[in-house]
Amino acid sequence: MCWLIGEPSIGPGCWIGAFTLIDGSGGLTIGKGCDISSGAQILTHSSMRRTVTERRHPHVDRAPTVIGDHVFVGTNAVILMGAKVGHHSVVAAGAVIKEFEEFPPYSLIAGVPAVRKGDVDPAALMG
């Protein structure tokens, strides 16, 4: 079971694991053929400014998040609002992609905060 908010665009052939949060409230596009592992969170909103300003900031911030085609998102990874992950990329388990961070296609993304660690070579993965 995953928790789905809003109306995200999810491409064909995607697999979404249990205990995931898919937040489409600010605009979310997940490309075709993606695997979103259990416990991952993909967000398009943040209530931080509204909360710490004692609601003087009147609204929840929202920004579209984009996950390209054939992206693998590892267990418990977090992708924050406004982030863009290029096609054929791998987001490692537990990685945290910051707000408005962008990664090119074929990126190996890992860490807290997430950084590009190298390239994904699909041909080399075929064994």
N, C-alpha and C. Protein backbone atom coordinates (compact mmCIF):
# COMPACT_ATOMS: atom_id res chain seq x y z
N MET A 1 0.83 -1.16 0.00
CA MET A 1 0.00 0.00 0.00
C MET A 1 0.89 1.24 0.00
N CYS A 2 0.56 2.21 -0.86
CA CYS A 2 1.27 3.49 -0.83
C CYS A 2 0.25 4.59 -0.57
N TRP A 3 0.76 5.73 -0.11
CA TRP A 3 -0.11 6.87 0.13
C TRP A 3 0.07 7.82 -1.03
N LEU A 4 -1.01 8.07 -1.75
CA LEU A 4 -1.00 8.89 -2.95
C LEU A 4 -1.79 10.16 -2.68
N ILE A 5 -1.15 11.32 -2.91
CA ILE A 5 -1.78 12.62 -2.70
C ILE A 5 -1.85 13.34 -4.03
N GLY A 6 -2.96 13.99 -4.32
CA GLY A 6 -3.08 14.76 -5.55
C GLY A 6 -3.26 13.85 -6.76
N GLU A 7 -2.86 14.37 -7.91
CA GLU A 7 -3.03 13.64 -9.17
C GLU A 7 -1.71 13.60 -9.93
N PRO A 8 -0.77 12.78 -9.47
CA PRO A 8 0.51 12.70 -10.18
C PRO A 8 0.34 12.02 -11.53
N SER A 9 1.24 12.33 -12.45
CA SER A 9 1.30 11.64 -13.73
C SER A 9 2.33 10.52 -13.58
N ILE A 10 1.88 9.28 -13.69
CA ILE A 10 2.76 8.12 -13.54
C ILE A 10 2.73 7.34 -14.83
N GLY A 11 3.91 7.18 -15.45
CA GLY A 11 4.01 6.50 -16.73
C GLY A 11 3.72 5.02 -16.65
N PRO A 12 3.51 4.40 -17.80
CA PRO A 12 3.22 2.97 -17.83
C PRO A 12 4.42 2.14 -17.38
N GLY A 13 4.13 0.98 -16.83
CA GLY A 13 5.17 0.04 -16.46
C GLY A 13 5.91 0.38 -15.18
N CYS A 14 5.37 1.27 -14.38
CA CYS A 14 6.02 1.63 -13.11
C CYS A 14 5.62 0.66 -12.02
N TRP A 15 6.52 0.46 -11.08
CA TRP A 15 6.25 -0.35 -9.89
C TRP A 15 6.49 0.55 -8.69
N ILE A 16 5.53 0.56 -7.76
CA ILE A 16 5.65 1.38 -6.56
C ILE A 16 5.50 0.47 -5.35
N GLY A 17 6.52 0.46 -4.49
CA GLY A 17 6.55 -0.44 -3.34
C GLY A 17 5.66 0.02 -2.20
N ALA A 18 5.55 -0.86 -1.24
CA ALA A 18 4.73 -0.60 -0.06
C ALA A 18 5.32 0.53 0.78
N PHE A 19 4.46 1.18 1.52
CA PHE A 19 4.85 2.21 2.50
C PHE A 19 5.54 3.40 1.85
N THR A 20 5.18 3.72 0.62
CA THR A 20 5.72 4.88 -0.07
C THR A 20 4.75 6.05 0.03
N LEU A 21 5.29 7.27 -0.12
CA LEU A 21 4.49 8.48 -0.18
C LEU A 21 4.72 9.11 -1.55
N ILE A 22 3.67 9.21 -2.32
CA ILE A 22 3.72 9.83 -3.64
C ILE A 22 2.83 11.07 -3.57
N ASP A 23 3.46 12.24 -3.53
CA ASP A 23 2.76 13.52 -3.35
C ASP A 23 2.67 14.25 -4.68
N GLY A 24 1.50 14.23 -5.28
CA GLY A 24 1.29 14.94 -6.53
C GLY A 24 0.61 16.28 -6.35
N SER A 25 0.52 16.78 -5.13
CA SER A 25 -0.26 18.01 -4.87
C SER A 25 0.33 19.25 -5.52
N GLY A 26 1.63 19.25 -5.80
CA GLY A 26 2.27 20.40 -6.43
C GLY A 26 2.69 20.14 -7.86
N GLY A 27 2.30 18.98 -8.39
CA GLY A 27 2.66 18.60 -9.75
C GLY A 27 3.80 17.60 -9.73
N LEU A 28 3.50 16.36 -10.04
CA LEU A 28 4.52 15.31 -10.04
C LEU A 28 4.41 14.52 -11.32
N THR A 29 5.57 14.33 -11.97
CA THR A 29 5.65 13.47 -13.14
C THR A 29 6.66 12.38 -12.86
N ILE A 30 6.22 11.14 -12.98
CA ILE A 30 7.09 9.98 -12.89
C ILE A 30 7.03 9.31 -14.25
N GLY A 31 8.19 9.16 -14.89
CA GLY A 31 8.25 8.61 -16.24
C GLY A 31 7.91 7.14 -16.31
N LYS A 32 7.98 6.59 -17.50
CA LYS A 32 7.64 5.19 -17.72
C LYS A 32 8.75 4.28 -17.19
N GLY A 33 8.34 3.07 -16.78
CA GLY A 33 9.29 2.04 -16.41
C GLY A 33 10.09 2.29 -15.15
N CYS A 34 9.60 3.11 -14.25
CA CYS A 34 10.32 3.40 -13.00
C CYS A 34 9.99 2.39 -11.92
N ASP A 35 10.93 2.15 -11.03
CA ASP A 35 10.70 1.37 -9.82
C ASP A 35 10.94 2.30 -8.63
N ILE A 36 9.91 2.44 -7.79
CA ILE A 36 9.98 3.26 -6.59
C ILE A 36 9.93 2.28 -5.42
N SER A 37 11.05 2.10 -4.73
CA SER A 37 11.16 1.07 -3.69
C SER A 37 10.37 1.42 -2.44
N SER A 38 10.17 0.41 -1.62
CA SER A 38 9.41 0.56 -0.38
C SER A 38 9.96 1.66 0.51
N GLY A 39 9.06 2.43 1.07
CA GLY A 39 9.44 3.47 2.02
C GLY A 39 9.92 4.76 1.40
N ALA A 40 10.01 4.83 0.07
CA ALA A 40 10.46 6.06 -0.58
C ALA A 40 9.40 7.15 -0.42
N GLN A 41 9.87 8.40 -0.46
CA GLN A 41 8.96 9.55 -0.39
C GLN A 41 9.32 10.52 -1.50
N ILE A 42 8.35 10.85 -2.33
CA ILE A 42 8.54 11.83 -3.40
C ILE A 42 7.56 12.96 -3.13
N LEU A 43 8.10 14.16 -2.88
CA LEU A 43 7.29 15.27 -2.40
C LEU A 43 7.25 16.43 -3.39
N THR A 44 6.12 17.15 -3.37
CA THR A 44 5.96 18.35 -4.18
C THR A 44 5.50 19.53 -3.34
N HIS A 45 5.58 19.40 -2.03
CA HIS A 45 5.15 20.49 -1.15
C HIS A 45 6.03 20.54 0.10
N SER A 46 5.99 21.71 0.77
CA SER A 46 6.66 21.87 2.06
C SER A 46 5.88 22.89 2.88
N SER A 47 5.60 22.54 4.12
CA SER A 47 4.90 23.46 5.03
C SER A 47 5.88 24.15 5.99
N MET A 48 7.18 24.00 5.75
CA MET A 48 8.19 24.54 6.67
C MET A 48 8.04 26.05 6.89
N ARG A 49 7.98 26.84 5.79
CA ARG A 49 7.90 28.31 5.97
C ARG A 49 6.62 28.71 6.70
N ARG A 50 5.54 28.06 6.37
CA ARG A 50 4.27 28.38 7.04
C ARG A 50 4.35 28.07 8.53
N THR A 51 5.00 26.98 8.87
CA THR A 51 5.07 26.55 10.26
C THR A 51 5.97 27.46 11.09
N VAL A 52 7.20 27.70 10.63
CA VAL A 52 8.15 28.46 11.45
C VAL A 52 7.83 29.94 11.51
N THR A 53 6.97 30.44 10.63
CA THR A 53 6.55 31.84 10.69
C THR A 53 5.25 32.01 11.45
N GLU A 54 4.87 30.97 12.19
CA GLU A 54 3.62 31.00 12.96
C GLU A 54 2.43 31.33 12.07
N ARG A 55 2.44 30.78 10.88
CA ARG A 55 1.38 30.91 9.87
C ARG A 55 1.32 32.31 9.25
N ARG A 56 2.33 33.18 9.49
CA ARG A 56 2.35 34.47 8.81
C ARG A 56 2.61 34.28 7.31
N HIS A 57 3.40 33.25 6.95
CA HIS A 57 3.49 32.83 5.55
C HIS A 57 2.22 32.03 5.30
N PRO A 58 1.30 32.55 4.49
CA PRO A 58 -0.07 32.05 4.50
C PRO A 58 -0.33 30.71 3.80
N HIS A 59 0.63 30.19 3.08
CA HIS A 59 0.31 28.97 2.33
C HIS A 59 1.44 27.94 2.39
N VAL A 60 1.10 26.75 2.00
CA VAL A 60 2.07 25.66 1.86
C VAL A 60 2.76 25.86 0.52
N ASP A 61 4.09 25.83 0.52
CA ASP A 61 4.86 25.97 -0.72
C ASP A 61 4.72 24.70 -1.55
N ARG A 62 4.62 24.87 -2.86
CA ARG A 62 4.52 23.73 -3.78
C ARG A 62 5.38 23.99 -5.01
N ALA A 63 5.96 22.93 -5.54
CA ALA A 63 6.74 23.02 -6.78
C ALA A 63 6.72 21.64 -7.45
N PRO A 64 6.64 21.61 -8.77
CA PRO A 64 6.61 20.32 -9.46
C PRO A 64 7.93 19.56 -9.33
N THR A 65 7.80 18.26 -9.20
CA THR A 65 8.94 17.35 -9.12
C THR A 65 8.86 16.43 -10.34
N VAL A 66 10.03 16.13 -10.93
CA VAL A 66 10.06 15.33 -12.16
C VAL A 66 11.05 14.18 -11.99
N ILE A 67 10.56 12.97 -12.23
CA ILE A 67 11.38 11.77 -12.25
C ILE A 67 11.33 11.25 -13.69
N GLY A 68 12.49 11.13 -14.35
CA GLY A 68 12.54 10.70 -15.74
C GLY A 68 12.17 9.24 -15.93
N ASP A 69 12.21 8.79 -17.18
CA ASP A 69 11.92 7.40 -17.52
C ASP A 69 12.99 6.46 -16.96
N HIS A 70 12.56 5.27 -16.59
CA HIS A 70 13.45 4.17 -16.18
C HIS A 70 14.40 4.55 -15.05
N VAL A 71 13.86 5.25 -14.06
CA VAL A 71 14.63 5.63 -12.87
C VAL A 71 14.33 4.63 -11.76
N PHE A 72 15.38 4.21 -11.05
CA PHE A 72 15.24 3.35 -9.88
C PHE A 72 15.42 4.21 -8.65
N VAL A 73 14.44 4.21 -7.75
CA VAL A 73 14.51 4.94 -6.48
C VAL A 73 14.59 3.91 -5.37
N GLY A 74 15.69 3.91 -4.61
CA GLY A 74 15.94 2.91 -3.59
C GLY A 74 15.09 3.07 -2.34
N THR A 75 15.12 2.05 -1.51
CA THR A 75 14.36 2.00 -0.27
C THR A 75 14.65 3.21 0.61
N ASN A 76 13.60 3.84 1.11
CA ASN A 76 13.67 4.97 2.04
C ASN A 76 14.36 6.21 1.47
N ALA A 77 14.51 6.31 0.16
CA ALA A 77 15.01 7.54 -0.44
C ALA A 77 13.95 8.62 -0.33
N VAL A 78 14.39 9.88 -0.27
CA VAL A 78 13.48 11.03 -0.20
C VAL A 78 13.86 11.99 -1.32
N ILE A 79 12.86 12.39 -2.09
CA ILE A 79 13.06 13.37 -3.17
C ILE A 79 12.14 14.54 -2.85
N LEU A 80 12.73 15.70 -2.56
CA LEU A 80 11.96 16.85 -2.11
C LEU A 80 11.44 17.68 -3.28
N MET A 81 10.52 18.59 -2.97
CA MET A 81 9.80 19.35 -3.99
C MET A 81 10.75 20.09 -4.93
N GLY A 82 10.35 20.13 -6.19
CA GLY A 82 11.10 20.86 -7.20
C GLY A 82 12.30 20.14 -7.75
N ALA A 83 12.61 18.95 -7.25
CA ALA A 83 13.77 18.20 -7.73
C ALA A 83 13.48 17.60 -9.11
N LYS A 84 14.57 17.36 -9.86
CA LYS A 84 14.47 16.73 -11.17
C LYS A 84 15.54 15.65 -11.27
N VAL A 85 15.11 14.44 -11.58
CA VAL A 85 16.01 13.30 -11.72
C VAL A 85 15.93 12.84 -13.17
N GLY A 86 17.07 12.89 -13.88
CA GLY A 86 17.11 12.51 -15.28
C GLY A 86 16.86 11.04 -15.52
N HIS A 87 16.46 10.71 -16.74
CA HIS A 87 16.12 9.34 -17.10
C HIS A 87 17.31 8.38 -16.89
N HIS A 88 16.98 7.13 -16.65
CA HIS A 88 17.95 6.04 -16.46
C HIS A 88 18.91 6.30 -15.30
N SER A 89 18.43 6.98 -14.28
CA SER A 89 19.26 7.26 -13.10
C SER A 89 18.92 6.29 -11.98
N VAL A 90 19.82 6.19 -11.01
CA VAL A 90 19.62 5.38 -9.81
C VAL A 90 19.75 6.30 -8.60
N VAL A 91 18.72 6.32 -7.76
CA VAL A 91 18.74 7.04 -6.50
C VAL A 91 18.94 5.98 -5.41
N ALA A 92 20.08 6.02 -4.73
CA ALA A 92 20.44 4.98 -3.77
C ALA A 92 19.50 4.98 -2.57
N ALA A 93 19.43 3.83 -1.91
CA ALA A 93 18.63 3.69 -0.70
C ALA A 93 19.05 4.74 0.33
N GLY A 94 18.08 5.40 0.92
CA GLY A 94 18.34 6.37 1.98
C GLY A 94 18.82 7.73 1.51
N ALA A 95 19.00 7.92 0.21
CA ALA A 95 19.45 9.22 -0.30
C ALA A 95 18.37 10.28 -0.06
N VAL A 96 18.81 11.53 0.12
CA VAL A 96 17.88 12.65 0.27
C VAL A 96 18.24 13.70 -0.76
N ILE A 97 17.39 13.84 -1.77
CA ILE A 97 17.59 14.85 -2.81
C ILE A 97 16.91 16.14 -2.34
N LYS A 98 17.71 17.20 -2.23
CA LYS A 98 17.22 18.48 -1.71
C LYS A 98 16.24 19.15 -2.68
N GLU A 99 15.49 20.12 -2.14
CA GLU A 99 14.56 20.91 -2.94
C GLU A 99 15.29 21.56 -4.11
N PHE A 100 14.69 21.48 -5.29
CA PHE A 100 15.14 22.14 -6.52
C PHE A 100 16.49 21.63 -7.03
N GLU A 101 16.96 20.51 -6.51
CA GLU A 101 18.21 19.89 -7.00
C GLU A 101 17.90 19.21 -8.33
N GLU A 102 18.86 19.28 -9.27
CA GLU A 102 18.67 18.65 -10.57
C GLU A 102 19.84 17.73 -10.88
N PHE A 103 19.52 16.54 -11.40
CA PHE A 103 20.54 15.56 -11.78
C PHE A 103 20.33 15.17 -13.24
N PRO A 104 21.40 15.08 -14.02
CA PRO A 104 21.28 14.72 -15.43
C PRO A 104 20.95 13.24 -15.61
N PRO A 105 20.56 12.85 -16.84
CA PRO A 105 20.32 11.44 -17.12
C PRO A 105 21.54 10.58 -16.78
N TYR A 106 21.27 9.32 -16.47
CA TYR A 106 22.30 8.31 -16.19
C TYR A 106 23.15 8.65 -14.96
N SER A 107 22.55 9.28 -13.97
CA SER A 107 23.27 9.64 -12.74
C SER A 107 23.12 8.56 -11.68
N LEU A 108 24.21 8.29 -10.98
CA LEU A 108 24.17 7.50 -9.76
C LEU A 108 24.15 8.51 -8.62
N ILE A 109 23.06 8.53 -7.85
CA ILE A 109 22.80 9.57 -6.86
C ILE A 109 22.75 8.92 -5.48
N ALA A 110 23.54 9.43 -4.52
CA ALA A 110 23.56 8.82 -3.19
C ALA A 110 23.94 9.87 -2.16
N GLY A 111 23.60 9.59 -0.89
CA GLY A 111 24.04 10.41 0.23
C GLY A 111 22.98 11.31 0.80
N VAL A 112 23.37 11.96 1.91
CA VAL A 112 22.52 12.91 2.61
C VAL A 112 23.36 14.14 2.93
N PRO A 113 23.20 15.24 2.21
CA PRO A 113 22.32 15.38 1.06
C PRO A 113 22.89 14.62 -0.15
N ALA A 114 22.01 14.29 -1.08
CA ALA A 114 22.39 13.49 -2.23
C ALA A 114 23.32 14.27 -3.16
N VAL A 115 24.31 13.55 -3.68
CA VAL A 115 25.22 14.08 -4.69
C VAL A 115 25.36 13.05 -5.80
N ARG A 116 25.82 13.51 -6.93
CA ARG A 116 26.07 12.61 -8.07
C ARG A 116 27.39 11.90 -7.83
N LYS A 117 27.34 10.57 -7.71
CA LYS A 117 28.54 9.78 -7.42
C LYS A 117 29.19 9.22 -8.68
N GLY A 118 28.47 9.24 -9.79
CA GLY A 118 29.01 8.68 -11.03
C GLY A 118 27.92 8.47 -12.05
N ASP A 119 28.26 7.63 -13.03
CA ASP A 119 27.35 7.35 -14.14
C ASP A 119 26.74 5.96 -14.01
N VAL A 120 25.54 5.83 -14.55
CA VAL A 120 24.90 4.53 -14.69
C VAL A 120 25.14 4.08 -16.14
N ASP A 121 25.69 2.87 -16.31
CA ASP A 121 25.95 2.31 -17.64
C ASP A 121 25.07 1.07 -17.79
N PRO A 122 23.90 1.21 -18.44
CA PRO A 122 22.99 0.06 -18.56
C PRO A 122 23.64 -1.14 -19.23
N ALA A 123 24.50 -0.94 -20.22
CA ALA A 123 25.15 -2.07 -20.88
C ALA A 123 26.02 -2.87 -19.92
N ALA A 124 26.73 -2.18 -19.04
CA ALA A 124 27.60 -2.86 -18.06
C ALA A 124 26.77 -3.65 -17.04
N LEU A 125 25.54 -3.21 -16.80
CA LEU A 125 24.69 -3.89 -15.83
C LEU A 125 24.10 -5.20 -16.38
N MET A 126 24.21 -5.41 -17.68
CA MET A 126 23.65 -6.62 -18.29
C MET A 126 24.47 -7.85 -17.97
N GLY A 127 25.68 -7.66 -17.42
CA GLY A 127 26.50 -8.79 -17.00
C GLY A 127 27.38 -9.22 -18.06
